[in-house]
Amino acid sequence: MAPFIVTMIIVLAVAVAACAVVAIGMHGVLKRTTPKLAGYLEVAGRHLNGDAEMPESLAHLLPSK
């Protein structure tokens, strides 16, 4: 029973994080009150959508085509 509870807590945490990215970062809600957090979440949302450029620190790890 304990592994089930731990797994559910992790799943709920991921769901809340995804909702935060959408609600704060992509839609611009709370940008006036928490601009720094909204900026980070906006960048994360662009990366999740595939709209942002790949960071150089990750690009050098992948083989070039």
PDB file of N, CA and C in Angstrom:
ATOM      1  N   MET A   1       0.813  -1.195   0.000  1.00  0.00           N
ATOM      2  CA  MET A   1       0.000   0.000   0.000  1.00  0.00           C
ATOM      3  C   MET A   1       0.860   1.263   0.000  1.00  0.00           C
ATOM      4  N   ALA A   2       1.979   1.220   0.692  1.00  0.00           N
ATOM      5  CA  ALA A   2       2.852   2.390   0.766  1.00  0.00           C
ATOM      6  C   ALA A   2       3.414   2.778  -0.597  1.00  0.00           C
ATOM      7  N   PRO A   3       3.872   1.829  -1.433  1.00  0.00           N
ATOM      8  CA  PRO A   3       4.364   2.231  -2.757  1.00  0.00           C
ATOM      9  C   PRO A   3       3.275   2.905  -3.605  1.00  0.00           C
ATOM     10  N   PHE A   4       2.051   2.469  -3.453  1.00  0.00           N
ATOM     11  CA  PHE A   4       0.945   3.074  -4.185  1.00  0.00           C
ATOM     12  C   PHE A   4       0.757   4.525  -3.773  1.00  0.00           C
ATOM     13  N   ILE A   5       0.833   4.798  -2.493  1.00  0.00           N
ATOM     14  CA  ILE A   5       0.658   6.159  -1.993  1.00  0.00           C
ATOM     15  C   ILE A   5       1.800   7.055  -2.463  1.00  0.00           C
ATOM     16  N   VAL A   6       3.027   6.562  -2.410  1.00  0.00           N
ATOM     17  CA  VAL A   6       4.175   7.341  -2.853  1.00  0.00           C
ATOM     18  C   VAL A   6       4.066   7.628  -4.353  1.00  0.00           C
ATOM     19  N   THR A   7       3.653   6.634  -5.119  1.00  0.00           N
ATOM     20  CA  THR A   7       3.488   6.824  -6.562  1.00  0.00           C
ATOM     21  C   THR A   7       2.412   7.854  -6.857  1.00  0.00           C
ATOM     22  N   MET A   8       1.315   7.812  -6.150  1.00  0.00           N
ATOM     23  CA  MET A   8       0.239   8.777  -6.363  1.00  0.00           C
ATOM     24  C   MET A   8       0.680  10.195  -6.002  1.00  0.00           C
ATOM     25  N   ILE A   9       1.469  10.342  -4.968  1.00  0.00           N
ATOM     26  CA  ILE A   9       1.975  11.663  -4.594  1.00  0.00           C
ATOM     27  C   ILE A   9       2.879  12.208  -5.690  1.00  0.00           C
ATOM     28  N   ILE A  10       3.728  11.362  -6.266  1.00  0.00           N
ATOM     29  CA  ILE A  10       4.611  11.794  -7.346  1.00  0.00           C
ATOM     30  C   ILE A  10       3.801  12.181  -8.576  1.00  0.00           C
ATOM     31  N   VAL A  11       2.801  11.387  -8.926  1.00  0.00           N
ATOM     32  CA  VAL A  11       1.958  11.684 -10.084  1.00  0.00           C
ATOM     33  C   VAL A  11       1.215  13.003  -9.880  1.00  0.00           C
ATOM     34  N   LEU A  12       0.684  13.229  -8.707  1.00  0.00           N
ATOM     35  CA  LEU A  12      -0.021  14.479  -8.425  1.00  0.00           C
ATOM     36  C   LEU A  12       0.925  15.679  -8.460  1.00  0.00           C
ATOM     37  N   ALA A  13       2.149  15.506  -7.987  1.00  0.00           N
ATOM     38  CA  ALA A  13       3.123  16.598  -8.028  1.00  0.00           C
ATOM     39  C   ALA A  13       3.460  16.973  -9.472  1.00  0.00           C
ATOM     40  N   VAL A  14       3.608  15.983 -10.342  1.00  0.00           N
ATOM     41  CA  VAL A  14       3.884  16.260 -11.752  1.00  0.00           C
ATOM     42  C   VAL A  14       2.696  16.970 -12.392  1.00  0.00           C
ATOM     43  N   ALA A  15       1.479  16.540 -12.052  1.00  0.00           N
ATOM     44  CA  ALA A  15       0.280  17.179 -12.606  1.00  0.00           C
ATOM     45  C   ALA A  15       0.166  18.630 -12.151  1.00  0.00           C
ATOM     46  N   VAL A  16       0.448  18.907 -10.907  1.00  0.00           N
ATOM     47  CA  VAL A  16       0.399  20.277 -10.400  1.00  0.00           C
ATOM     48  C   VAL A  16       1.470  21.130 -11.071  1.00  0.00           C
ATOM     49  N   ALA A  17       2.640  20.571 -11.287  1.00  0.00           N
ATOM     50  CA  ALA A  17       3.702  21.317 -11.960  1.00  0.00           C
ATOM     51  C   ALA A  17       3.310  21.649 -13.398  1.00  0.00           C
ATOM     52  N   ALA A  18       2.693  20.709 -14.089  1.00  0.00           N
ATOM     53  CA  ALA A  18       2.254  20.971 -15.462  1.00  0.00           C
ATOM     54  C   ALA A  18       1.176  22.043 -15.494  1.00  0.00           C
ATOM     55  N   CYS A  19       0.264  22.006 -14.549  1.00  0.00           N
ATOM     56  CA  CYS A  19      -0.780  23.039 -14.468  1.00  0.00           C
ATOM     57  C   CYS A  19      -0.167  24.401 -14.168  1.00  0.00           C
ATOM     58  N   ALA A  20       0.847  24.439 -13.335  1.00  0.00           N
ATOM     59  CA  ALA A  20       1.511  25.708 -13.021  1.00  0.00           C
ATOM     60  C   ALA A  20       2.194  26.285 -14.250  1.00  0.00           C
ATOM     61  N   VAL A  21       2.817  25.429 -15.048  1.00  0.00           N
ATOM     62  CA  VAL A  21       3.467  25.906 -16.270  1.00  0.00           C
ATOM     63  C   VAL A  21       2.441  26.536 -17.191  1.00  0.00           C
ATOM     64  N   VAL A  22       1.310  25.892 -17.353  1.00  0.00           N
ATOM     65  CA  VAL A  22       0.282  26.408 -18.252  1.00  0.00           C
ATOM     66  C   VAL A  22      -0.371  27.660 -17.682  1.00  0.00           C
ATOM     67  N   ALA A  23      -0.782  27.611 -16.433  1.00  0.00           N
ATOM     68  CA  ALA A  23      -1.537  28.713 -15.838  1.00  0.00           C
ATOM     69  C   ALA A  23      -0.695  29.970 -15.646  1.00  0.00           C
ATOM     70  N   ILE A  24       0.521  29.820 -15.207  1.00  0.00           N
ATOM     71  CA  ILE A  24       1.343  30.987 -14.893  1.00  0.00           C
ATOM     72  C   ILE A  24       2.232  31.374 -16.062  1.00  0.00           C
ATOM     73  N   GLY A  25       2.909  30.423 -16.643  1.00  0.00           N
ATOM     74  CA  GLY A  25       3.892  30.746 -17.671  1.00  0.00           C
ATOM     75  C   GLY A  25       3.324  31.028 -19.036  1.00  0.00           C
ATOM     76  N   MET A  26       2.410  30.213 -19.506  1.00  0.00           N
ATOM     77  CA  MET A  26       1.961  30.339 -20.885  1.00  0.00           C
ATOM     78  C   MET A  26       0.795  31.310 -21.037  1.00  0.00           C
ATOM     79  N   HIS A  27      -0.081  31.368 -20.071  1.00  0.00           N
ATOM     80  CA  HIS A  27      -1.243  32.249 -20.180  1.00  0.00           C
ATOM     81  C   HIS A  27      -1.006  33.614 -19.556  1.00  0.00           C
ATOM     82  N   GLY A  28       0.087  33.796 -18.859  1.00  0.00           N
ATOM     83  CA  GLY A  28       0.420  35.099 -18.334  1.00  0.00           C
ATOM     84  C   GLY A  28      -0.285  35.482 -17.046  1.00  0.00           C
ATOM     85  N   VAL A  29      -0.983  34.546 -16.424  1.00  0.00           N
ATOM     86  CA  VAL A  29      -1.644  34.838 -15.154  1.00  0.00           C
ATOM     87  C   VAL A  29      -0.558  35.035 -14.092  1.00  0.00           C
ATOM     88  N   LEU A  30      -0.728  36.005 -13.252  1.00  0.00           N
ATOM     89  CA  LEU A  30       0.183  36.327 -12.145  1.00  0.00           C
ATOM     90  C   LEU A  30       1.538  36.873 -12.597  1.00  0.00           C
ATOM     91  N   LYS A  31       1.641  37.361 -13.840  1.00  0.00           N
ATOM     92  CA  LYS A  31       2.923  37.920 -14.285  1.00  0.00           C
ATOM     93  C   LYS A  31       3.279  39.190 -13.532  1.00  0.00           C
ATOM     94  N   ARG A  32       2.277  39.936 -13.111  1.00  0.00           N
ATOM     95  CA  ARG A  32       2.563  41.179 -12.372  1.00  0.00           C
ATOM     96  C   ARG A  32       3.030  40.899 -10.957  1.00  0.00           C
ATOM     97  N   THR A  33       2.477  39.860 -10.329  1.00  0.00           N
ATOM     98  CA  THR A  33       2.826  39.598  -8.934  1.00  0.00           C
ATOM     99  C   THR A  33       4.070  38.730  -8.791  1.00  0.00           C
ATOM    100  N   THR A  34       4.283  37.804  -9.730  1.00  0.00           N
ATOM    101  CA  THR A  34       5.464  36.940  -9.664  1.00  0.00           C
ATOM    102  C   THR A  34       6.145  36.893 -11.028  1.00  0.00           C
ATOM    103  N   PRO A  35       6.791  37.990 -11.433  1.00  0.00           N
ATOM    104  CA  PRO A  35       7.364  38.022 -12.784  1.00  0.00           C
ATOM    105  C   PRO A  35       8.523  37.044 -12.984  1.00  0.00           C
ATOM    106  N   LYS A  36       9.319  36.829 -11.962  1.00  0.00           N
ATOM    107  CA  LYS A  36      10.468  35.930 -12.105  1.00  0.00           C
ATOM    108  C   LYS A  36       9.994  34.491 -12.302  1.00  0.00           C
ATOM    109  N   LEU A  37       9.047  34.050 -11.478  1.00  0.00           N
ATOM    110  CA  LEU A  37       8.499  32.702 -11.598  1.00  0.00           C
ATOM    111  C   LEU A  37       7.779  32.537 -12.929  1.00  0.00           C
ATOM    112  N   ALA A  38       7.033  33.543 -13.337  1.00  0.00           N
ATOM    113  CA  ALA A  38       6.314  33.479 -14.609  1.00  0.00           C
ATOM    114  C   ALA A  38       7.294  33.383 -15.774  1.00  0.00           C
ATOM    115  N   GLY A  39       8.408  34.060 -15.678  1.00  0.00           N
ATOM    116  CA  GLY A  39       9.421  33.987 -16.736  1.00  0.00           C
ATOM    117  C   GLY A  39      10.013  32.594 -16.858  1.00  0.00           C
ATOM    118  N   TYR A  40      10.344  31.996 -15.721  1.00  0.00           N
ATOM    119  CA  TYR A  40      10.883  30.636 -15.741  1.00  0.00           C
ATOM    120  C   TYR A  40       9.865  29.641 -16.304  1.00  0.00           C
ATOM    121  N   LEU A  41       8.620  29.780 -15.889  1.00  0.00           N
ATOM    122  CA  LEU A  41       7.593  28.857 -16.354  1.00  0.00           C
ATOM    123  C   LEU A  41       7.255  29.086 -17.821  1.00  0.00           C
ATOM    124  N   GLU A  42       7.375  30.317 -18.294  1.00  0.00           N
ATOM    125  CA  GLU A  42       7.145  30.589 -19.713  1.00  0.00           C
ATOM    126  C   GLU A  42       8.206  29.906 -20.568  1.00  0.00           C
ATOM    127  N   VAL A  43       9.445  29.982 -20.140  1.00  0.00           N
ATOM    128  CA  VAL A  43      10.522  29.301 -20.861  1.00  0.00           C
ATOM    129  C   VAL A  43      10.317  27.789 -20.825  1.00  0.00           C
ATOM    130  N   ALA A  44       9.941  27.266 -19.670  1.00  0.00           N
ATOM    131  CA  ALA A  44       9.685  25.823 -19.563  1.00  0.00           C
ATOM    132  C   ALA A  44       8.534  25.408 -20.472  1.00  0.00           C
ATOM    133  N   GLY A  45       7.504  26.216 -20.552  1.00  0.00           N
ATOM    134  CA  GLY A  45       6.376  25.909 -21.425  1.00  0.00           C
ATOM    135  C   GLY A  45       6.768  25.916 -22.890  1.00  0.00           C
ATOM    136  N   ARG A  46       7.615  26.867 -23.280  1.00  0.00           N
ATOM    137  CA  ARG A  46       8.081  26.896 -24.673  1.00  0.00           C
ATOM    138  C   ARG A  46       8.921  25.666 -24.994  1.00  0.00           C
ATOM    139  N   HIS A  47       9.749  25.246 -24.031  1.00  0.00           N
ATOM    140  CA  HIS A  47      10.554  24.041 -24.252  1.00  0.00           C
ATOM    141  C   HIS A  47       9.661  22.803 -24.351  1.00  0.00           C
ATOM    142  N   LEU A  48       8.640  22.718 -23.516  1.00  0.00           N
ATOM    143  CA  LEU A  48       7.737  21.570 -23.566  1.00  0.00           C
ATOM    144  C   LEU A  48       6.966  21.526 -24.883  1.00  0.00           C
ATOM    145  N   ASN A  49       6.648  22.675 -25.443  1.00  0.00           N
ATOM    146  CA  ASN A  49       5.951  22.730 -26.719  1.00  0.00           C
ATOM    147  C   ASN A  49       6.886  22.516 -27.901  1.00  0.00           C
ATOM    148  N   GLY A  50       8.184  22.626 -27.684  1.00  0.00           N
ATOM    149  CA  GLY A  50       9.141  22.478 -28.775  1.00  0.00           C
ATOM    150  C   GLY A  50       9.384  23.764 -29.528  1.00  0.00           C
ATOM    151  N   ASP A  51       8.965  24.894 -28.981  1.00  0.00           N
ATOM    152  CA  ASP A  51       9.121  26.186 -29.642  1.00  0.00           C
ATOM    153  C   ASP A  51      10.453  26.860 -29.341  1.00  0.00           C
ATOM    154  N   ALA A  52      11.106  26.498 -28.262  1.00  0.00           N
ATOM    155  CA  ALA A  52      12.325  27.181 -27.836  1.00  0.00           C
ATOM    156  C   ALA A  52      13.558  26.515 -28.451  1.00  0.00           C
ATOM    157  N   GLU A  53      14.632  27.278 -28.497  1.00  0.00           N
ATOM    158  CA  GLU A  53      15.910  26.753 -28.973  1.00  0.00           C
ATOM    159  C   GLU A  53      16.500  25.803 -27.934  1.00  0.00           C
ATOM    160  N   MET A  54      17.257  24.839 -28.405  1.00  0.00           N
ATOM    161  CA  MET A  54      17.902  23.891 -27.504  1.00  0.00           C
ATOM    162  C   MET A  54      19.063  24.587 -26.795  1.00  0.00           C
ATOM    163  N   PRO A  55      19.189  24.422 -25.483  1.00  0.00           N
ATOM    164  CA  PRO A  55      20.306  25.032 -24.765  1.00  0.00           C
ATOM    165  C   PRO A  55      21.643  24.467 -25.252  1.00  0.00           C
ATOM    166  N   GLU A  56      22.665  25.317 -25.260  1.00  0.00           N
ATOM    167  CA  GLU A  56      23.983  24.877 -25.719  1.00  0.00           C
ATOM    168  C   GLU A  56      24.537  23.755 -24.865  1.00  0.00           C
ATOM    169  N   SER A  57      24.251  23.780 -23.566  1.00  0.00           N
ATOM    170  CA  SER A  57      24.763  22.734 -22.691  1.00  0.00           C
ATOM    171  C   SER A  57      24.194  21.361 -23.050  1.00  0.00           C
ATOM    172  N   LEU A  58      22.998  21.329 -23.612  1.00  0.00           N
ATOM    173  CA  LEU A  58      22.414  20.068 -24.061  1.00  0.00           C
ATOM    174  C   LEU A  58      22.796  19.750 -25.497  1.00  0.00           C
ATOM    175  N   ALA A  59      22.953  20.772 -26.309  1.00  0.00           N
ATOM    176  CA  ALA A  59      23.261  20.570 -27.720  1.00  0.00           C
ATOM    177  C   ALA A  59      24.611  19.902 -27.936  1.00  0.00           C
ATOM    178  N   HIS A  60      25.595  20.210 -27.093  1.00  0.00           N
ATOM    179  CA  HIS A  60      26.901  19.593 -27.292  1.00  0.00           C
ATOM    180  C   HIS A  60      26.932  18.124 -26.856  1.00  0.00           C
ATOM    181  N   LEU A  61      25.937  17.684 -26.089  1.00  0.00           N
ATOM    182  CA  LEU A  61      25.859  16.287 -25.680  1.00  0.00           C
ATOM    183  C   LEU A  61      25.292  15.387 -26.769  1.00  0.00           C
ATOM    184  N   LEU A  62      24.463  15.962 -27.640  1.00  0.00           N
ATOM    185  CA  LEU A  62      23.822  15.179 -28.689  1.00  0.00           C
ATOM    186  C   LEU A  62      24.696  15.166 -29.941  1.00  0.00           C
ATOM    187  N   PRO A  63      24.696  14.048 -30.645  1.00  0.00           N
ATOM    188  CA  PRO A  63      25.499  14.003 -31.877  1.00  0.00           C
ATOM    189  C   PRO A  63      24.888  14.922 -32.936  1.00  0.00           C
ATOM    190  N   SER A  64      25.740  15.607 -33.664  1.00  0.00           N
ATOM    191  CA  SER A  64      25.250  16.509 -34.709  1.00  0.00           C
ATOM    192  C   SER A  64      24.919  15.704 -35.964  1.00  0.00           C
ATOM    193  N   LYS A  65      23.954  16.218 -36.712  1.00  0.00           N
ATOM    194  CA  LYS A  65      23.536  15.518 -37.928  1.00  0.00           C
ATOM    195  C   LYS A  65      24.134  16.172 -39.138  1.00  0.00           C
TER     196      LYS A  65
END
